């Protein structure tokens, strides 16, 4: 689907503005899902670290 059925935001609008219409866009717009997956799928969150390396 290229538009969110809940807020009617398209993937092109998201690309142009940088803003997602609603939280359901992430589930409903296939191109957005693919983009998010390619950006974050292999990342492991390690949390914040202090400058000296300790937690």
PDB file of N, CA and C in Angstrom:
ATOM      1  N   UNK A   1       0.848  -1.176   0.000  1.00  0.00           N
ATOM      2  CA  UNK A   1       0.000   0.000   0.000  1.00  0.00           C
ATOM      3  C   UNK A   1       0.896   1.243   0.000  1.00  0.00           C
ATOM      4  N   UNK A   2       0.555   2.214  -0.811  1.00  0.00           N
ATOM      5  CA  UNK A   2       1.385   3.400  -0.900  1.00  0.00           C
ATOM      6  C   UNK A   2       0.852   4.577  -0.086  1.00  0.00           C
ATOM      7  N   UNK A   3      -0.337   4.403   0.501  1.00  0.00           N
ATOM      8  CA  UNK A   3      -0.908   5.422   1.390  1.00  0.00           C
ATOM      9  C   UNK A   3      -1.428   4.753   2.650  1.00  0.00           C
ATOM     10  N   UNK A   4      -1.296   5.440   3.753  1.00  0.00           N
ATOM     11  CA  UNK A   4      -1.837   4.923   5.007  1.00  0.00           C
ATOM     12  C   UNK A   4      -3.360   5.079   4.993  1.00  0.00           C
ATOM     13  N   UNK A   5      -4.104   4.008   5.228  1.00  0.00           N
ATOM     14  CA  UNK A   5      -5.563   4.108   5.215  1.00  0.00           C
ATOM     15  C   UNK A   5      -6.121   4.864   6.424  1.00  0.00           C
ATOM     16  N   UNK A   6      -5.317   5.088   7.429  1.00  0.00           N
ATOM     17  CA  UNK A   6      -5.785   5.770   8.638  1.00  0.00           C
ATOM     18  C   UNK A   6      -5.630   7.287   8.549  1.00  0.00           C
ATOM     19  N   UNK A   7      -4.483   7.759   8.013  1.00  0.00           N
ATOM     20  CA  UNK A   7      -4.246   9.212   7.967  1.00  0.00           C
ATOM     21  C   UNK A   7      -4.066   9.735   6.548  1.00  0.00           C
ATOM     22  N   UNK A   8      -4.072   8.818   5.568  1.00  0.00           N
ATOM     23  CA  UNK A   8      -3.987   9.172   4.151  1.00  0.00           C
ATOM     24  C   UNK A   8      -2.641   9.778   3.741  1.00  0.00           C
ATOM     25  N   UNK A   9      -1.606   9.539   4.501  1.00  0.00           N
ATOM     26  CA  UNK A   9      -0.269  10.032   4.171  1.00  0.00           C
ATOM     27  C   UNK A   9       0.397   9.052   3.222  1.00  0.00           C
ATOM     28  N   UNK A  10       1.037   9.591   2.171  1.00  0.00           N
ATOM     29  CA  UNK A  10       1.724   8.731   1.210  1.00  0.00           C
ATOM     30  C   UNK A  10       3.214   8.663   1.522  1.00  0.00           C
ATOM     31  N   UNK A  11       3.870   7.657   0.960  1.00  0.00           N
ATOM     32  CA  UNK A  11       5.307   7.523   1.163  1.00  0.00           C
ATOM     33  C   UNK A  11       6.040   8.727   0.565  1.00  0.00           C
ATOM     34  N   UNK A  12       5.566   9.228  -0.564  1.00  0.00           N
ATOM     35  CA  UNK A  12       6.190  10.411  -1.166  1.00  0.00           C
ATOM     36  C   UNK A  12       6.095  11.626  -0.249  1.00  0.00           C
ATOM     37  N   UNK A  13       4.958  11.795   0.428  1.00  0.00           N
ATOM     38  CA  UNK A  13       4.816  12.895   1.389  1.00  0.00           C
ATOM     39  C   UNK A  13       5.823  12.754   2.527  1.00  0.00           C
ATOM     40  N   UNK A  14       6.006  11.544   3.006  1.00  0.00           N
ATOM     41  CA  UNK A  14       6.954  11.294   4.094  1.00  0.00           C
ATOM     42  C   UNK A  14       8.364  11.625   3.629  1.00  0.00           C
ATOM     43  N   UNK A  15       8.703  11.221   2.408  1.00  0.00           N
ATOM     44  CA  UNK A  15      10.033  11.524   1.863  1.00  0.00           C
ATOM     45  C   UNK A  15      10.247  13.025   1.705  1.00  0.00           C
ATOM     46  N   UNK A  16       9.232  13.742   1.274  1.00  0.00           N
ATOM     47  CA  UNK A  16       9.353  15.187   1.046  1.00  0.00           C
ATOM     48  C   UNK A  16       9.433  15.974   2.346  1.00  0.00           C
ATOM     49  N   UNK A  17       8.621  15.599   3.326  1.00  0.00           N
ATOM     50  CA  UNK A  17       8.534  16.385   4.560  1.00  0.00           C
ATOM     51  C   UNK A  17       9.433  15.863   5.673  1.00  0.00           C
ATOM     52  N   UNK A  18       9.719  14.556   5.652  1.00  0.00           N
ATOM     53  CA  UNK A  18      10.478  13.941   6.733  1.00  0.00           C
ATOM     54  C   UNK A  18       9.620  13.588   7.926  1.00  0.00           C
ATOM     55  N   UNK A  19       8.309  13.764   7.795  1.00  0.00           N
ATOM     56  CA  UNK A  19       7.387  13.468   8.891  1.00  0.00           C
ATOM     57  C   UNK A  19       6.438  12.342   8.513  1.00  0.00           C
ATOM     58  N   UNK A  20       6.248  11.405   9.433  1.00  0.00           N
ATOM     59  CA  UNK A  20       5.300  10.310   9.252  1.00  0.00           C
ATOM     60  C   UNK A  20       3.950  10.798   9.750  1.00  0.00           C
ATOM     61  N   UNK A  21       2.884  10.414   9.043  1.00  0.00           N
ATOM     62  CA  UNK A  21       1.545  10.901   9.388  1.00  0.00           C
ATOM     63  C   UNK A  21       1.024  10.397  10.721  1.00  0.00           C
ATOM     64  N   UNK A  22       1.166   9.109  10.980  1.00  0.00           N
ATOM     65  CA  UNK A  22       0.700   8.528  12.239  1.00  0.00           C
ATOM     66  C   UNK A  22       1.515   7.278  12.536  1.00  0.00           C
ATOM     67  N   UNK A  23       1.344   6.727  13.704  1.00  0.00           N
ATOM     68  CA  UNK A  23       2.121   5.550  14.086  1.00  0.00           C
ATOM     69  C   UNK A  23       1.775   4.327  13.234  1.00  0.00           C
ATOM     70  N   UNK A  24       0.594   4.301  12.665  1.00  0.00           N
ATOM     71  CA  UNK A  24       0.177   3.159  11.853  1.00  0.00           C
ATOM     72  C   UNK A  24       0.822   3.168  10.471  1.00  0.00           C
ATOM     73  N   UNK A  25       1.372   4.300  10.057  1.00  0.00           N
ATOM     74  CA  UNK A  25       2.071   4.378   8.763  1.00  0.00           C
ATOM     75  C   UNK A  25       3.198   3.361   8.698  1.00  0.00           C
ATOM     76  N   UNK A  26       3.886   3.146   9.812  1.00  0.00           N
ATOM     77  CA  UNK A  26       5.009   2.213   9.839  1.00  0.00           C
ATOM     78  C   UNK A  26       4.575   0.792   9.491  1.00  0.00           C
ATOM     79  N   UNK A  27       3.345   0.469   9.781  1.00  0.00           N
ATOM     80  CA  UNK A  27       2.827  -0.871   9.507  1.00  0.00           C
ATOM     81  C   UNK A  27       2.132  -0.931   8.145  1.00  0.00           C
ATOM     82  N   UNK A  28       1.517   0.152   7.730  1.00  0.00           N
ATOM     83  CA  UNK A  28       0.651   0.140   6.554  1.00  0.00           C
ATOM     84  C   UNK A  28       1.348   0.489   5.238  1.00  0.00           C
ATOM     85  N   UNK A  29       2.405   1.282   5.255  1.00  0.00           N
ATOM     86  CA  UNK A  29       3.070   1.708   4.026  1.00  0.00           C
ATOM     87  C   UNK A  29       4.290   0.821   3.794  1.00  0.00           C
ATOM     88  N   UNK A  30       4.192  -0.027   2.784  1.00  0.00           N
ATOM     89  CA  UNK A  30       5.225  -1.039   2.546  1.00  0.00           C
ATOM     90  C   UNK A  30       6.597  -0.413   2.293  1.00  0.00           C
ATOM     91  N   UNK A  31       6.672   0.646   1.513  1.00  0.00           N
ATOM     92  CA  UNK A  31       7.963   1.282   1.216  1.00  0.00           C
ATOM     93  C   UNK A  31       8.605   1.847   2.483  1.00  0.00           C
ATOM     94  N   UNK A  32       7.816   2.380   3.382  1.00  0.00           N
ATOM     95  CA  UNK A  32       8.333   2.892   4.654  1.00  0.00           C
ATOM     96  C   UNK A  32       8.855   1.747   5.507  1.00  0.00           C
ATOM     97  N   UNK A  33       8.112   0.658   5.523  1.00  0.00           N
ATOM     98  CA  UNK A  33       8.546  -0.533   6.268  1.00  0.00           C
ATOM     99  C   UNK A  33       9.889  -1.029   5.761  1.00  0.00           C
ATOM    100  N   UNK A  34      10.038  -1.087   4.438  1.00  0.00           N
ATOM    101  CA  UNK A  34      11.299  -1.533   3.836  1.00  0.00           C
ATOM    102  C   UNK A  34      12.441  -0.583   4.188  1.00  0.00           C
ATOM    103  N   UNK A  35      12.175   0.725   4.109  1.00  0.00           N
ATOM    104  CA  UNK A  35      13.213   1.714   4.400  1.00  0.00           C
ATOM    105  C   UNK A  35      13.675   1.626   5.847  1.00  0.00           C
ATOM    106  N   UNK A  36      12.746   1.512   6.775  1.00  0.00           N
ATOM    107  CA  UNK A  36      13.094   1.416   8.191  1.00  0.00           C
ATOM    108  C   UNK A  36      13.865   0.126   8.455  1.00  0.00           C
ATOM    109  N   UNK A  37      13.421  -0.956   7.842  1.00  0.00           N
ATOM    110  CA  UNK A  37      14.109  -2.235   8.042  1.00  0.00           C
ATOM    111  C   UNK A  37      15.537  -2.173   7.513  1.00  0.00           C
ATOM    112  N   UNK A  38      15.738  -1.566   6.363  1.00  0.00           N
ATOM    113  CA  UNK A  38      17.091  -1.500   5.805  1.00  0.00           C
ATOM    114  C   UNK A  38      18.004  -0.589   6.628  1.00  0.00           C
ATOM    115  N   UNK A  39      17.432   0.405   7.287  1.00  0.00           N
ATOM    116  CA  UNK A  39      18.242   1.306   8.110  1.00  0.00           C
ATOM    117  C   UNK A  39      18.582   0.710   9.466  1.00  0.00           C
ATOM    118  N   UNK A  40      17.660  -0.069  10.043  1.00  0.00           N
ATOM    119  CA  UNK A  40      17.817  -0.468  11.436  1.00  0.00           C
ATOM    120  C   UNK A  40      17.813  -1.962  11.714  1.00  0.00           C
ATOM    121  N   UNK A  41      17.676  -2.799  10.703  1.00  0.00           N
ATOM    122  CA  UNK A  41      17.485  -4.227  10.980  1.00  0.00           C
ATOM    123  C   UNK A  41      18.703  -4.905  11.602  1.00  0.00           C
ATOM    124  N   UNK A  42      19.896  -4.462  11.310  1.00  0.00           N
ATOM    125  CA  UNK A  42      21.087  -5.125  11.836  1.00  0.00           C
ATOM    126  C   UNK A  42      21.743  -4.346  12.973  1.00  0.00           C
ATOM    127  N   UNK A  43      21.078  -3.375  13.484  1.00  0.00           N
ATOM    128  CA  UNK A  43      21.639  -2.548  14.554  1.00  0.00           C
ATOM    129  C   UNK A  43      21.294  -3.140  15.913  1.00  0.00           C
ATOM    130  N   UNK A  44      22.232  -3.075  16.830  1.00  0.00           N
ATOM    131  CA  UNK A  44      22.007  -3.528  18.199  1.00  0.00           C
ATOM    132  C   UNK A  44      22.148  -2.312  19.094  1.00  0.00           C
ATOM    133  N   UNK A  45      21.103  -2.018  19.864  1.00  0.00           N
ATOM    134  CA  UNK A  45      21.148  -0.883  20.764  1.00  0.00           C
ATOM    135  C   UNK A  45      22.038  -1.212  21.952  1.00  0.00           C
ATOM    136  N   UNK A  46      22.990  -0.371  22.213  1.00  0.00           N
ATOM    137  CA  UNK A  46      23.933  -0.617  23.302  1.00  0.00           C
ATOM    138  C   UNK A  46      23.758   0.377  24.449  1.00  0.00           C
ATOM    139  N   UNK A  47      22.811   1.269  24.331  1.00  0.00           N
ATOM    140  CA  UNK A  47      22.570   2.251  25.386  1.00  0.00           C
ATOM    141  C   UNK A  47      23.591   3.375  25.365  1.00  0.00           C
ATOM    142  N   UNK A  48      23.386   4.340  26.229  1.00  0.00           N
ATOM    143  CA  UNK A  48      24.304   5.470  26.318  1.00  0.00           C
ATOM    144  C   UNK A  48      25.498   5.097  27.180  1.00  0.00           C
ATOM    145  N   UNK A  49      26.630   5.633  26.837  1.00  0.00           N
ATOM    146  CA  UNK A  49      27.843   5.402  27.622  1.00  0.00           C
ATOM    147  C   UNK A  49      28.441   6.744  28.027  1.00  0.00           C
ATOM    148  N   UNK A  50      29.012   6.781  29.187  1.00  0.00           N
ATOM    149  CA  UNK A  50      29.691   7.984  29.659  1.00  0.00           C
ATOM    150  C   UNK A  50      30.962   8.194  28.846  1.00  0.00           C
ATOM    151  N   UNK A  51      31.474   9.401  28.841  1.00  0.00           N
ATOM    152  CA  UNK A  51      32.668   9.706  28.063  1.00  0.00           C
ATOM    153  C   UNK A  51      33.858   8.859  28.452  1.00  0.00           C
ATOM    154  N   UNK A  52      33.960   8.476  29.720  1.00  0.00           N
ATOM    155  CA  UNK A  52      35.084   7.661  30.147  1.00  0.00           C
ATOM    156  C   UNK A  52      34.898   6.166  29.881  1.00  0.00           C
ATOM    157  N   UNK A  53      33.791   5.795  29.236  1.00  0.00           N
ATOM    158  CA  UNK A  53      33.559   4.405  28.863  1.00  0.00           C
ATOM    159  C   UNK A  53      32.765   3.599  29.861  1.00  0.00           C
ATOM    160  N   UNK A  54      32.515   4.139  31.041  1.00  0.00           N
ATOM    161  CA  UNK A  54      31.741   3.379  32.019  1.00  0.00           C
ATOM    162  C   UNK A  54      30.251   3.619  31.809  1.00  0.00           C
ATOM    163  N   UNK A  55      29.453   2.755  32.362  1.00  0.00           N
ATOM    164  CA  UNK A  55      28.001   2.906  32.268  1.00  0.00           C
ATOM    165  C   UNK A  55      27.562   3.794  33.341  1.00  0.00           C
TER     166      UNK A  55
END
